[in-house]
PDB file of N, CA and C in Angstrom:
ATOM      1  N   GLN A   1     -34.839 -46.505  56.086  1.00  0.00           N
ATOM      2  CA  GLN A   1     -35.589 -47.697  56.423  1.00  0.00           C
ATOM      3  C   GLN A   1     -36.096 -47.590  57.854  1.00  0.00           C
ATOM      4  N   VAL A   2     -37.347 -47.923  58.034  1.00  0.00           N
ATOM      5  CA  VAL A   2     -37.970 -47.835  59.353  1.00  0.00           C
ATOM      6  C   VAL A   2     -37.701 -49.105  60.137  1.00  0.00           C
ATOM      7  N   HIS A   3     -37.390 -48.948  61.399  1.00  0.00           N
ATOM      8  CA  HIS A   3     -37.261 -50.077  62.317  1.00  0.00           C
ATOM      9  C   HIS A   3     -38.282 -49.916  63.428  1.00  0.00           C
ATOM     10  N   LEU A   4     -38.842 -51.044  63.828  1.00  0.00           N
ATOM     11  CA  LEU A   4     -39.804 -51.055  64.928  1.00  0.00           C
ATOM     12  C   LEU A   4     -39.194 -51.783  66.114  1.00  0.00           C
ATOM     13  N   VAL A   5     -39.361 -51.217  67.296  1.00  0.00           N
ATOM     14  CA  VAL A   5     -38.786 -51.813  68.493  1.00  0.00           C
ATOM     15  C   VAL A   5     -39.897 -52.032  69.514  1.00  0.00           C
ATOM     16  N   GLU A   6     -40.075 -53.314  69.885  1.00  0.00           N
ATOM     17  CA  GLU A   6     -41.057 -53.647  70.904  1.00  0.00           C
ATOM     18  C   GLU A   6     -40.413 -53.624  72.288  1.00  0.00           C
ATOM     19  N   SER A   7     -41.215 -53.357  73.282  1.00  0.00           N
ATOM     20  CA  SER A   7     -40.776 -53.432  74.670  1.00  0.00           C
ATOM     21  C   SER A   7     -41.976 -53.765  75.540  1.00  0.00           C
ATOM     22  N   GLY A   8     -41.688 -54.170  76.779  1.00  0.00           N
ATOM     23  CA  GLY A   8     -42.763 -54.428  77.723  1.00  0.00           C
ATOM     24  C   GLY A   8     -43.075 -55.887  77.954  1.00  0.00           C
ATOM     25  N   GLY A   9     -42.393 -56.773  77.236  1.00  0.00           N
ATOM     26  CA  GLY A   9     -42.619 -58.195  77.465  1.00  0.00           C
ATOM     27  C   GLY A   9     -42.026 -58.629  78.794  1.00  0.00           C
ATOM     28  N   GLY A  10     -42.309 -59.867  79.173  1.00  0.00           N
ATOM     29  CA  GLY A  10     -41.755 -60.380  80.414  1.00  0.00           C
ATOM     30  C   GLY A  10     -42.545 -61.552  80.935  1.00  0.00           C
ATOM     31  N   LEU A  11     -42.305 -61.844  82.194  1.00  0.00           N
ATOM     32  CA  LEU A  11     -42.953 -62.963  82.876  1.00  0.00           C
ATOM     33  C   LEU A  11     -44.091 -62.428  83.735  1.00  0.00           C
ATOM     34  N   VAL A  12     -45.239 -63.062  83.626  1.00  0.00           N
ATOM     35  CA  VAL A  12     -46.385 -62.650  84.417  1.00  0.00           C
ATOM     36  C   VAL A  12     -47.155 -63.888  84.855  1.00  0.00           C
ATOM     37  N   GLN A  13     -47.796 -63.799  85.986  1.00  0.00           N
ATOM     38  CA  GLN A  13     -48.603 -64.920  86.467  1.00  0.00           C
ATOM     39  C   GLN A  13     -49.929 -64.976  85.724  1.00  0.00           C
ATOM     40  N   PRO A  14     -50.537 -66.140  85.658  1.00  0.00           N
ATOM     41  CA  PRO A  14     -51.875 -66.220  85.054  1.00  0.00           C
ATOM     42  C   PRO A  14     -52.823 -65.227  85.718  1.00  0.00           C
ATOM     43  N   GLY A  15     -53.589 -64.557  84.891  1.00  0.00           N
ATOM     44  CA  GLY A  15     -54.481 -63.519  85.390  1.00  0.00           C
ATOM     45  C   GLY A  15     -53.857 -62.146  85.451  1.00  0.00           C
ATOM     46  N   GLY A  16     -52.561 -62.076  85.223  1.00  0.00           N
ATOM     47  CA  GLY A  16     -51.864 -60.803  85.289  1.00  0.00           C
ATOM     48  C   GLY A  16     -51.972 -59.999  84.006  1.00  0.00           C
ATOM     49  N   SER A  17     -51.289 -58.859  83.991  1.00  0.00           N
ATOM     50  CA  SER A  17     -51.362 -57.943  82.863  1.00  0.00           C
ATOM     51  C   SER A  17     -49.974 -57.520  82.409  1.00  0.00           C
ATOM     52  N   LEU A  18     -49.886 -57.190  81.136  1.00  0.00           N
ATOM     53  CA  LEU A  18     -48.671 -56.622  80.561  1.00  0.00           C
ATOM     54  C   LEU A  18     -49.084 -55.598  79.511  1.00  0.00           C
ATOM     55  N   ARG A  19     -48.219 -54.626  79.307  1.00  0.00           N
ATOM     56  CA  ARG A  19     -48.457 -53.648  78.249  1.00  0.00           C
ATOM     57  C   ARG A  19     -47.249 -53.632  77.328  1.00  0.00           C
ATOM     58  N   LEU A  20     -47.478 -53.980  76.078  1.00  0.00           N
ATOM     59  CA  LEU A  20     -46.426 -53.952  75.073  1.00  0.00           C
ATOM     60  C   LEU A  20     -46.443 -52.622  74.339  1.00  0.00           C
ATOM     61  N   SER A  21     -45.269 -52.144  74.036  1.00  0.00           N
ATOM     62  CA  SER A  21     -45.121 -50.914  73.258  1.00  0.00           C
ATOM     63  C   SER A  21     -44.322 -51.209  72.001  1.00  0.00           C
ATOM     64  N   CYS A  22     -44.592 -50.473  70.975  1.00  0.00           N
ATOM     65  CA  CYS A  22     -43.870 -50.597  69.709  1.00  0.00           C
ATOM     66  C   CYS A  22     -43.643 -49.197  69.177  1.00  0.00           C
ATOM     67  N   VAL A  23     -42.389 -48.842  69.015  1.00  0.00           N
ATOM     68  CA  VAL A  23     -42.059 -47.490  68.577  1.00  0.00           C
ATOM     69  C   VAL A  23     -41.222 -47.555  67.314  1.00  0.00           C
ATOM     70  N   ALA A  24     -41.560 -46.708  66.370  1.00  0.00           N
ATOM     71  CA  ALA A  24     -40.811 -46.653  65.117  1.00  0.00           C
ATOM     72  C   ALA A  24     -39.561 -45.790  65.279  1.00  0.00           C
ATOM     73  N   SER A  25     -38.532 -46.135  64.520  1.00  0.00           N
ATOM     74  CA  SER A  25     -37.260 -45.415  64.610  1.00  0.00           C
ATOM     75  C   SER A  25     -37.328 -44.041  63.968  1.00  0.00           C
ATOM     76  N   THR A  26     -38.271 -43.869  63.066  1.00  0.00           N
ATOM     77  CA  THR A  26     -38.465 -42.577  62.428  1.00  0.00           C
ATOM     78  C   THR A  26     -39.949 -42.252  62.402  1.00  0.00           C
ATOM     79  N   TYR A  27     -40.249 -41.005  62.144  1.00  0.00           N
ATOM     80  CA  TYR A  27     -41.646 -40.606  62.102  1.00  0.00           C
ATOM     81  C   TYR A  27     -42.333 -41.299  60.920  1.00  0.00           C
ATOM     82  N   LEU A  28     -43.476 -41.896  61.215  1.00  0.00           N
ATOM     83  CA  LEU A  28     -44.204 -42.622  60.187  1.00  0.00           C
ATOM     84  C   LEU A  28     -45.156 -41.673  59.470  1.00  0.00           C
ATOM     85  N   ARG A  29     -44.846 -41.422  58.228  1.00  0.00           N
ATOM     86  CA  ARG A  29     -45.710 -40.538  57.456  1.00  0.00           C
ATOM     87  C   ARG A  29     -46.759 -41.358  56.746  1.00  0.00           C
ATOM     88  N   GLY A  30     -47.801 -40.729  56.386  1.00  0.00           N
ATOM     89  CA  GLY A  30     -48.821 -41.419  55.626  1.00  0.00           C
ATOM     90  C   GLY A  30     -49.800 -42.166  56.522  1.00  0.00           C
ATOM     91  N   ILE A  31     -50.643 -42.884  55.879  1.00  0.00           N
ATOM     92  CA  ILE A  31     -51.718 -43.583  56.573  1.00  0.00           C
ATOM     93  C   ILE A  31     -51.431 -45.067  56.559  1.00  0.00           C
ATOM     94  N   GLY A  32     -51.541 -45.668  57.720  1.00  0.00           N
ATOM     95  CA  GLY A  32     -51.294 -47.101  57.789  1.00  0.00           C
ATOM     96  C   GLY A  32     -51.990 -47.731  58.966  1.00  0.00           C
ATOM     97  N   GLU A  33     -51.906 -49.016  59.017  1.00  0.00           N
ATOM     98  CA  GLU A  33     -52.488 -49.791  60.105  1.00  0.00           C
ATOM     99  C   GLU A  33     -51.375 -50.358  60.980  1.00  0.00           C
ATOM    100  N   TRP A  34     -51.705 -50.572  62.236  1.00  0.00           N
ATOM    101  CA  TRP A  34     -50.815 -51.261  63.156  1.00  0.00           C
ATOM    102  C   TRP A  34     -51.449 -52.621  63.484  1.00  0.00           C
ATOM    103  N   ALA A  35     -50.606 -53.594  63.642  1.00  0.00           N
ATOM    104  CA  ALA A  35     -51.080 -54.909  64.048  1.00  0.00           C
ATOM    105  C   ALA A  35     -50.113 -55.509  65.058  1.00  0.00           C
ATOM    106  N   TRP A  36     -50.651 -56.378  65.889  1.00  0.00           N
ATOM    107  CA  TRP A  36     -49.838 -57.195  66.788  1.00  0.00           C
ATOM    108  C   TRP A  36     -50.083 -58.662  66.420  1.00  0.00           C
ATOM    109  N   HIS A  37     -48.998 -59.379  66.279  1.00  0.00           N
ATOM    110  CA  HIS A  37     -49.041 -60.809  66.016  1.00  0.00           C
ATOM    111  C   HIS A  37     -48.322 -61.524  67.152  1.00  0.00           C
ATOM    112  N   ARG A  38     -48.594 -62.790  67.275  1.00  0.00           N
ATOM    113  CA  ARG A  38     -47.847 -63.590  68.248  1.00  0.00           C
ATOM    114  C   ARG A  38     -47.540 -64.951  67.651  1.00  0.00           C
ATOM    115  N   GLN A  39     -46.460 -65.514  68.150  1.00  0.00           N
ATOM    116  CA  GLN A  39     -46.065 -66.856  67.722  1.00  0.00           C
ATOM    117  C   GLN A  39     -45.637 -67.659  68.929  1.00  0.00           C
ATOM    118  N   ALA A  40     -46.379 -68.713  69.185  1.00  0.00           N
ATOM    119  CA  ALA A  40     -46.044 -69.626  70.272  1.00  0.00           C
ATOM    120  C   ALA A  40     -45.120 -70.712  69.724  1.00  0.00           C
ATOM    121  N   PRO A  41     -44.324 -71.332  70.591  1.00  0.00           N
ATOM    122  CA  PRO A  41     -43.424 -72.391  70.127  1.00  0.00           C
ATOM    123  C   PRO A  41     -44.171 -73.485  69.379  1.00  0.00           C
ATOM    124  N   GLY A  42     -43.697 -73.829  68.208  1.00  0.00           N
ATOM    125  CA  GLY A  42     -44.300 -74.888  67.429  1.00  0.00           C
ATOM    126  C   GLY A  42     -45.573 -74.516  66.703  1.00  0.00           C
ATOM    127  N   LYS A  43     -45.957 -73.250  66.778  1.00  0.00           N
ATOM    128  CA  LYS A  43     -47.195 -72.822  66.138  1.00  0.00           C
ATOM    129  C   LYS A  43     -46.906 -71.718  65.122  1.00  0.00           C
ATOM    130  N   GLN A  44     -47.853 -71.529  64.241  1.00  0.00           N
ATOM    131  CA  GLN A  44     -47.714 -70.466  63.253  1.00  0.00           C
ATOM    132  C   GLN A  44     -47.979 -69.102  63.890  1.00  0.00           C
ATOM    133  N   ARG A  45     -47.378 -68.103  63.304  1.00  0.00           N
ATOM    134  CA  ARG A  45     -47.630 -66.744  63.767  1.00  0.00           C
ATOM    135  C   ARG A  45     -49.071 -66.372  63.427  1.00  0.00           C
ATOM    136  N   GLU A  46     -49.746 -65.735  64.377  1.00  0.00           N
ATOM    137  CA  GLU A  46     -51.118 -65.326  64.161  1.00  0.00           C
ATOM    138  C   GLU A  46     -51.286 -63.865  64.554  1.00  0.00           C
ATOM    139  N   ARG A  47     -52.170 -63.211  63.847  1.00  0.00           N
ATOM    140  CA  ARG A  47     -52.470 -61.836  64.194  1.00  0.00           C
ATOM    141  C   ARG A  47     -53.501 -61.825  65.300  1.00  0.00           C
ATOM    142  N   VAL A  48     -53.239 -61.077  66.347  1.00  0.00           N
ATOM    143  CA  VAL A  48     -54.178 -61.017  67.467  1.00  0.00           C
ATOM    144  C   VAL A  48     -54.988 -59.730  67.483  1.00  0.00           C
ATOM    145  N   ALA A  49     -54.450 -58.659  66.916  1.00  0.00           N
ATOM    146  CA  ALA A  49     -55.167 -57.386  66.948  1.00  0.00           C
ATOM    147  C   ALA A  49     -54.681 -56.488  65.826  1.00  0.00           C
ATOM    148  N   LEU A  50     -55.569 -55.630  65.378  1.00  0.00           N
ATOM    149  CA  LEU A  50     -55.242 -54.670  64.333  1.00  0.00           C
ATOM    150  C   LEU A  50     -56.028 -53.387  64.594  1.00  0.00           C
ATOM    151  N   ILE A  51     -55.394 -52.261  64.306  1.00  0.00           N
ATOM    152  CA  ILE A  51     -56.080 -50.984  64.460  1.00  0.00           C
ATOM    153  C   ILE A  51     -55.859 -50.168  63.193  1.00  0.00           C
ATOM    154  N   ASP A  52     -56.939 -49.638  62.662  1.00  0.00           N
ATOM    155  CA  ASP A  52     -56.834 -48.886  61.417  1.00  0.00           C
ATOM    156  C   ASP A  52     -56.591 -47.398  61.710  1.00  0.00           C
ATOM    157  N   PRO A  53     -56.376 -46.609  60.670  1.00  0.00           N
ATOM    158  CA  PRO A  53     -56.068 -45.183  60.903  1.00  0.00           C
ATOM    159  C   PRO A  53     -57.167 -44.428  61.640  1.00  0.00           C
ATOM    160  N   ASP A  54     -58.386 -44.892  61.549  1.00  0.00           N
ATOM    161  CA  ASP A  54     -59.489 -44.224  62.253  1.00  0.00           C
ATOM    162  C   ASP A  54     -59.600 -44.653  63.707  1.00  0.00           C
ATOM    163  N   GLY A  55     -58.775 -45.624  64.095  1.00  0.00           N
ATOM    164  CA  GLY A  55     -58.831 -46.110  65.470  1.00  0.00           C
ATOM    165  C   GLY A  55     -59.740 -47.300  65.679  1.00  0.00           C
ATOM    166  N   THR A  56     -60.289 -47.831  64.601  1.00  0.00           N
ATOM    167  CA  THR A  56     -61.135 -49.012  64.715  1.00  0.00           C
ATOM    168  C   THR A  56     -60.261 -50.244  64.904  1.00  0.00           C
ATOM    169  N   ALA A  57     -60.574 -51.000  65.949  1.00  0.00           N
ATOM    170  CA  ALA A  57     -59.749 -52.161  66.307  1.00  0.00           C
ATOM    171  C   ALA A  57     -60.508 -53.459  66.084  1.00  0.00           C
ATOM    172  N   THR A  58     -59.776 -54.474  65.686  1.00  0.00           N
ATOM    173  CA  THR A  58     -60.337 -55.819  65.571  1.00  0.00           C
ATOM    174  C   THR A  58     -59.418 -56.790  66.288  1.00  0.00           C
ATOM    175  N   TYR A  59     -60.003 -57.877  66.794  1.00  0.00           N
ATOM    176  CA  TYR A  59     -59.267 -58.848  67.593  1.00  0.00           C
ATOM    177  C   TYR A  59     -59.683 -60.265  67.200  1.00  0.00           C
ATOM    178  N   ILE A  60     -58.788 -61.202  67.452  1.00  0.00           N
ATOM    179  CA  ILE A  60     -59.213 -62.584  67.348  1.00  0.00           C
ATOM    180  C   ILE A  60     -60.055 -62.904  68.577  1.00  0.00           C
ATOM    181  N   GLY A  61     -60.892 -63.913  68.429  1.00  0.00           N
ATOM    182  CA  GLY A  61     -61.806 -64.251  69.500  1.00  0.00           C
ATOM    183  C   GLY A  61     -61.123 -64.592  70.812  1.00  0.00           C
ATOM    184  N   ALA A  62     -59.963 -65.206  70.726  1.00  0.00           N
ATOM    185  CA  ALA A  62     -59.284 -65.678  71.935  1.00  0.00           C
ATOM    186  C   ALA A  62     -58.839 -64.547  72.846  1.00  0.00           C
ATOM    187  N   VAL A  63     -58.683 -63.343  72.316  1.00  0.00           N
ATOM    188  CA  VAL A  63     -58.196 -62.234  73.140  1.00  0.00           C
ATOM    189  C   VAL A  63     -59.228 -61.131  73.300  1.00  0.00           C
ATOM    190  N   LYS A  64     -60.334 -61.243  72.603  1.00  0.00           N
ATOM    191  CA  LYS A  64     -61.342 -60.186  72.658  1.00  0.00           C
ATOM    192  C   LYS A  64     -61.833 -59.996  74.085  1.00  0.00           C
ATOM    193  N   GLY A  65     -61.890 -58.778  74.514  1.00  0.00           N
ATOM    194  CA  GLY A  65     -62.302 -58.466  75.874  1.00  0.00           C
ATOM    195  C   GLY A  65     -61.172 -58.469  76.874  1.00  0.00           C
ATOM    196  N   ARG A  66     -60.011 -58.976  76.471  1.00  0.00           N
ATOM    197  CA  ARG A  66     -58.858 -59.017  77.377  1.00  0.00           C
ATOM    198  C   ARG A  66     -57.714 -58.130  76.897  1.00  0.00           C
ATOM    199  N   PHE A  67     -57.582 -58.009  75.595  1.00  0.00           N
ATOM    200  CA  PHE A  67     -56.491 -57.217  75.010  1.00  0.00           C
ATOM    201  C   PHE A  67     -57.069 -55.944  74.388  1.00  0.00           C
ATOM    202  N   THR A  68     -56.277 -54.887  74.435  1.00  0.00           N
ATOM    203  CA  THR A  68     -56.659 -53.627  73.794  1.00  0.00           C
ATOM    204  C   THR A  68     -55.485 -53.070  73.007  1.00  0.00           C
ATOM    205  N   ILE A  69     -55.708 -52.857  71.722  1.00  0.00           N
ATOM    206  CA  ILE A  69     -54.676 -52.255  70.879  1.00  0.00           C
ATOM    207  C   ILE A  69     -54.949 -50.764  70.772  1.00  0.00           C
ATOM    208  N   SER A  70     -53.899 -49.988  70.753  1.00  0.00           N
ATOM    209  CA  SER A  70     -54.051 -48.546  70.599  1.00  0.00           C
ATOM    210  C   SER A  70     -52.865 -48.004  69.794  1.00  0.00           C
ATOM    211  N   ARG A  71     -52.985 -46.755  69.373  1.00  0.00           N
ATOM    212  CA  ARG A  71     -51.929 -46.147  68.577  1.00  0.00           C
ATOM    213  C   ARG A  71     -51.777 -44.681  68.972  1.00  0.00           C
ATOM    214  N   ASP A  72     -50.574 -44.199  68.798  1.00  0.00           N
ATOM    215  CA  ASP A  72     -50.286 -42.782  69.017  1.00  0.00           C
ATOM    216  C   ASP A  72     -49.513 -42.311  67.793  1.00  0.00           C
ATOM    217  N   ASP A  73     -50.201 -41.691  66.874  1.00  0.00           N
ATOM    218  CA  ASP A  73     -49.578 -41.318  65.612  1.00  0.00           C
ATOM    219  C   ASP A  73     -48.532 -40.215  65.795  1.00  0.00           C
ATOM    220  N   ASP A  74     -48.706 -39.392  66.803  1.00  0.00           N
ATOM    221  CA  ASP A  74     -47.707 -38.346  67.049  1.00  0.00           C
ATOM    222  C   ASP A  74     -46.366 -38.953  67.456  1.00  0.00           C
ATOM    223  N   LYS A  75     -46.430 -40.093  68.109  1.00  0.00           N
ATOM    224  CA  LYS A  75     -45.214 -40.765  68.552  1.00  0.00           C
ATOM    225  C   LYS A  75     -44.804 -41.910  67.628  1.00  0.00           C
ATOM    226  N   SER A  76     -45.586 -42.142  66.582  1.00  0.00           N
ATOM    227  CA  SER A  76     -45.334 -43.276  65.681  1.00  0.00           C
ATOM    228  C   SER A  76     -45.200 -44.560  66.487  1.00  0.00           C
ATOM    229  N   ALA A  77     -46.214 -44.802  67.300  1.00  0.00           N
ATOM    230  CA  ALA A  77     -46.160 -45.932  68.219  1.00  0.00           C
ATOM    231  C   ALA A  77     -47.500 -46.646  68.288  1.00  0.00           C
ATOM    232  N   ALA A  78     -47.425 -47.878  68.716  1.00  0.00           N
ATOM    233  CA  ALA A  78     -48.618 -48.681  68.965  1.00  0.00           C
ATOM    234  C   ALA A  78     -48.417 -49.435  70.275  1.00  0.00           C
ATOM    235  N   TYR A  79     -49.533 -49.827  70.860  1.00  0.00           N
ATOM    236  CA  TYR A  79     -49.478 -50.472  72.157  1.00  0.00           C
ATOM    237  C   TYR A  79     -50.454 -51.647  72.177  1.00  0.00           C
ATOM    238  N   LEU A  80     -50.160 -52.601  73.027  1.00  0.00           N
ATOM    239  CA  LEU A  80     -51.071 -53.711  73.245  1.00  0.00           C
ATOM    240  C   LEU A  80     -51.178 -53.923  74.750  1.00  0.00           C
ATOM    241  N   GLN A  81     -52.317 -53.563  75.301  1.00  0.00           N
ATOM    242  CA  GLN A  81     -52.583 -53.801  76.716  1.00  0.00           C
ATOM    243  C   GLN A  81     -53.204 -55.187  76.839  1.00  0.00           C
ATOM    244  N   MET A  82     -52.551 -56.041  77.596  1.00  0.00           N
ATOM    245  CA  MET A  82     -53.009 -57.419  77.732  1.00  0.00           C
ATOM    246  C   MET A  82     -53.423 -57.667  79.175  1.00  0.00           C
ATOM    247  N   GLY A  83     -54.639 -58.142  79.373  1.00  0.00           N
ATOM    248  CA  GLY A  83     -55.125 -58.412  80.707  1.00  0.00           C
ATOM    249  C   GLY A  83     -55.613 -59.836  80.837  1.00  0.00           C
ATOM    250  N   ASN A  84     -55.739 -60.284  82.085  1.00  0.00           N
ATOM    251  CA  ASN A  84     -56.209 -61.644  82.371  1.00  0.00           C
ATOM    252  C   ASN A  84     -55.457 -62.667  81.514  1.00  0.00           C
ATOM    253  N   LEU A  85     -54.150 -62.568  81.548  1.00  0.00           N
ATOM    254  CA  LEU A  85     -53.330 -63.436  80.702  1.00  0.00           C
ATOM    255  C   LEU A  85     -53.517 -64.897  81.076  1.00  0.00           C
ATOM    256  N   LYS A  86     -53.550 -65.724  80.051  1.00  0.00           N
ATOM    257  CA  LYS A  86     -53.851 -67.139  80.219  1.00  0.00           C
ATOM    258  C   LYS A  86     -52.692 -67.982  79.728  1.00  0.00           C
ATOM    259  N   PRO A  87     -52.700 -69.272  80.088  1.00  0.00           N
ATOM    260  CA  PRO A  87     -51.615 -70.163  79.639  1.00  0.00           C
ATOM    261  C   PRO A  87     -51.493 -70.272  78.119  1.00  0.00           C
ATOM    262  N   ASP A  88     -52.542 -69.917  77.369  1.00  0.00           N
ATOM    263  CA  ASP A  88     -52.478 -69.980  75.904  1.00  0.00           C
ATOM    264  C   ASP A  88     -51.889 -68.715  75.288  1.00  0.00           C
ATOM    265  N   ASP A  89     -51.615 -67.718  76.093  1.00  0.00           N
ATOM    266  CA  ASP A  89     -51.144 -66.437  75.559  1.00  0.00           C
ATOM    267  C   ASP A  89     -49.636 -66.308  75.362  1.00  0.00           C
ATOM    268  N   PRO A  90     -48.804 -67.134  75.976  1.00  0.00           N
ATOM    269  CA  PRO A  90     -47.363 -66.925  75.832  1.00  0.00           C
ATOM    270  C   PRO A  90     -46.873 -67.064  74.394  1.00  0.00           C
ATOM    271  N   GLY A  91     -45.767 -66.391  74.125  1.00  0.00           N
ATOM    272  CA  GLY A  91     -45.148 -66.453  72.816  1.00  0.00           C
ATOM    273  C   GLY A  91     -44.352 -65.187  72.584  1.00  0.00           C
ATOM    274  N   VAL A  92     -43.855 -65.083  71.373  1.00  0.00           N
ATOM    275  CA  VAL A  92     -43.178 -63.853  70.967  1.00  0.00           C
ATOM    276  C   VAL A  92     -44.202 -62.971  70.273  1.00  0.00           C
ATOM    277  N   TYR A  93     -44.332 -61.760  70.758  1.00  0.00           N
ATOM    278  CA  TYR A  93     -45.289 -60.817  70.200  1.00  0.00           C
ATOM    279  C   TYR A  93     -44.563 -59.829  69.297  1.00  0.00           C
ATOM    280  N   TYR A  94     -45.086 -59.701  68.103  1.00  0.00           N
ATOM    281  CA  TYR A  94     -44.482 -58.832  67.099  1.00  0.00           C
ATOM    282  C   TYR A  94     -45.458 -57.718  66.724  1.00  0.00           C
ATOM    283  N   CYS A  95     -44.956 -56.522  66.602  1.00  0.00           N
ATOM    284  CA  CYS A  95     -45.787 -55.465  66.047  1.00  0.00           C
ATOM    285  C   CYS A  95     -45.486 -55.343  64.559  1.00  0.00           C
ATOM    286  N   LYS A  96     -46.422 -54.791  63.856  1.00  0.00           N
ATOM    287  CA  LYS A  96     -46.277 -54.617  62.416  1.00  0.00           C
ATOM    288  C   LYS A  96     -46.939 -53.323  61.985  1.00  0.00           C
ATOM    289  N   TRP A  97     -46.232 -52.589  61.153  1.00  0.00           N
ATOM    290  CA  TRP A  97     -46.756 -51.369  60.549  1.00  0.00           C
ATOM    291  C   TRP A  97     -47.098 -51.693  59.107  1.00  0.00           C
ATOM    292  N   ILE A  98     -48.313 -51.382  58.709  1.00  0.00           N
ATOM    293  CA  ILE A  98     -48.802 -51.769  57.392  1.00  0.00           C
ATOM    294  C   ILE A  98     -49.148 -50.510  56.598  1.00  0.00           C
ATOM    295  N   ASP A  99     -48.301 -50.225  55.602  1.00  0.00           N
ATOM    296  CA  ASP A  99     -48.678 -49.195  54.644  1.00  0.00           C
ATOM    297  C   ASP A  99     -48.430 -49.800  53.268  1.00  0.00           C
ATOM    298  N   ALA A 100     -47.621 -49.177  52.455  1.00  0.00           N
ATOM    299  CA  ALA A 100     -47.297 -49.796  51.162  1.00  0.00           C
ATOM    300  C   ALA A 100     -46.453 -51.042  51.376  1.00  0.00           C
ATOM    301  N   MET A 101     -45.794 -51.103  52.500  1.00  0.00           N
ATOM    302  CA  MET A 101     -44.992 -52.265  52.865  1.00  0.00           C
ATOM    303  C   MET A 101     -45.443 -52.743  54.242  1.00  0.00           C
ATOM    304  N   HIS A 102     -44.957 -53.914  54.582  1.00  0.00           N
ATOM    305  CA  HIS A 102     -45.207 -54.432  55.922  1.00  0.00           C
ATOM    306  C   HIS A 102     -43.876 -54.430  56.666  1.00  0.00           C
ATOM    307  N   THR A 103     -43.831 -53.670  57.746  1.00  0.00           N
ATOM    308  CA  THR A 103     -42.610 -53.591  58.535  1.00  0.00           C
ATOM    309  C   THR A 103     -42.833 -54.277  59.874  1.00  0.00           C
ATOM    310  N   TRP A 104     -41.953 -55.193  60.198  1.00  0.00           N
ATOM    311  CA  TRP A 104     -42.072 -55.988  61.419  1.00  0.00           C
ATOM    312  C   TRP A 104     -41.064 -55.536  62.457  1.00  0.00           C
ATOM    313  N   GLY A 105     -41.482 -55.645  63.720  1.00  0.00           N
ATOM    314  CA  GLY A 105     -40.539 -55.515  64.799  1.00  0.00           C
ATOM    315  C   GLY A 105     -39.835 -56.842  65.038  1.00  0.00           C
ATOM    316  N   ARG A 106     -38.888 -56.832  65.970  1.00  0.00           N
ATOM    317  CA  ARG A 106     -38.124 -58.051  66.236  1.00  0.00           C
ATOM    318  C   ARG A 106     -38.793 -58.953  67.254  1.00  0.00           C
ATOM    319  N   GLY A 107     -39.774 -58.454  67.943  1.00  0.00           N
ATOM    320  CA  GLY A 107     -40.534 -59.283  68.861  1.00  0.00           C
ATOM    321  C   GLY A 107     -40.199 -59.069  70.316  1.00  0.00           C
ATOM    322  N   ALA A 108     -41.175 -59.362  71.147  1.00  0.00           N
ATOM    323  CA  ALA A 108     -41.021 -59.280  72.595  1.00  0.00           C
ATOM    324  C   ALA A 108     -41.589 -60.555  73.202  1.00  0.00           C
ATOM    325  N   GLN A 109     -40.825 -61.169  74.089  1.00  0.00           N
ATOM    326  CA  GLN A 109     -41.247 -62.444  74.695  1.00  0.00           C
ATOM    327  C   GLN A 109     -42.243 -62.202  75.814  1.00  0.00           C
ATOM    328  N   VAL A 110     -43.320 -62.946  75.773  1.00  0.00           N
ATOM    329  CA  VAL A 110     -44.322 -62.922  76.847  1.00  0.00           C
ATOM    330  C   VAL A 110     -44.424 -64.327  77.411  1.00  0.00           C
ATOM    331  N   THR A 111     -44.241 -64.445  78.705  1.00  0.00           N
ATOM    332  CA  THR A 111     -44.307 -65.731  79.391  1.00  0.00           C
ATOM    333  C   THR A 111     -45.360 -65.650  80.485  1.00  0.00           C
ATOM    334  N   VAL A 112     -46.231 -66.629  80.517  1.00  0.00           N
ATOM    335  CA  VAL A 112     -47.272 -66.692  81.549  1.00  0.00           C
ATOM    336  C   VAL A 112     -47.040 -67.950  82.358  1.00  0.00           C
ATOM    337  N   SER A 113     -46.711 -67.771  83.613  1.00  0.00           N
ATOM    338  CA  SER A 113     -46.397 -68.915  84.447  1.00  0.00           C
ATOM    339  C   SER A 113     -46.557 -68.545  85.904  1.00  0.00           C
ATOM    340  N   SER A 114     -47.007 -69.527  86.677  1.00  0.00           N
ATOM    341  CA  SER A 114     -47.114 -69.306  88.113  1.00  0.00           C
ATOM    342  C   SER A 114     -45.857 -69.808  88.819  1.00  0.00           C
TER     343      SER A 114
END
């Protein structure tokens, strides 16, 4: 069974940057997509970014131009570079590996506060 572990969360001031990493416990074989979701307190989990096997990325409008998703298939990892963080961005960020199944990480807390 594959486990995903996120890292890189933390506290940042508005306008600051963070880079989240997600690494699989075993080598991910086959073709799949990576996604990052976030869940703010009292809100539903939403997908913020997705990257397909060809490297094509899509984003929700709220983060477009500020966040960048990337993947490293040799390392079975995905990343989310977040810039110009805003008060609407805090929450728990989860990575997800999508192949025949959907595998979730446990999440990384992102806090934006001055």
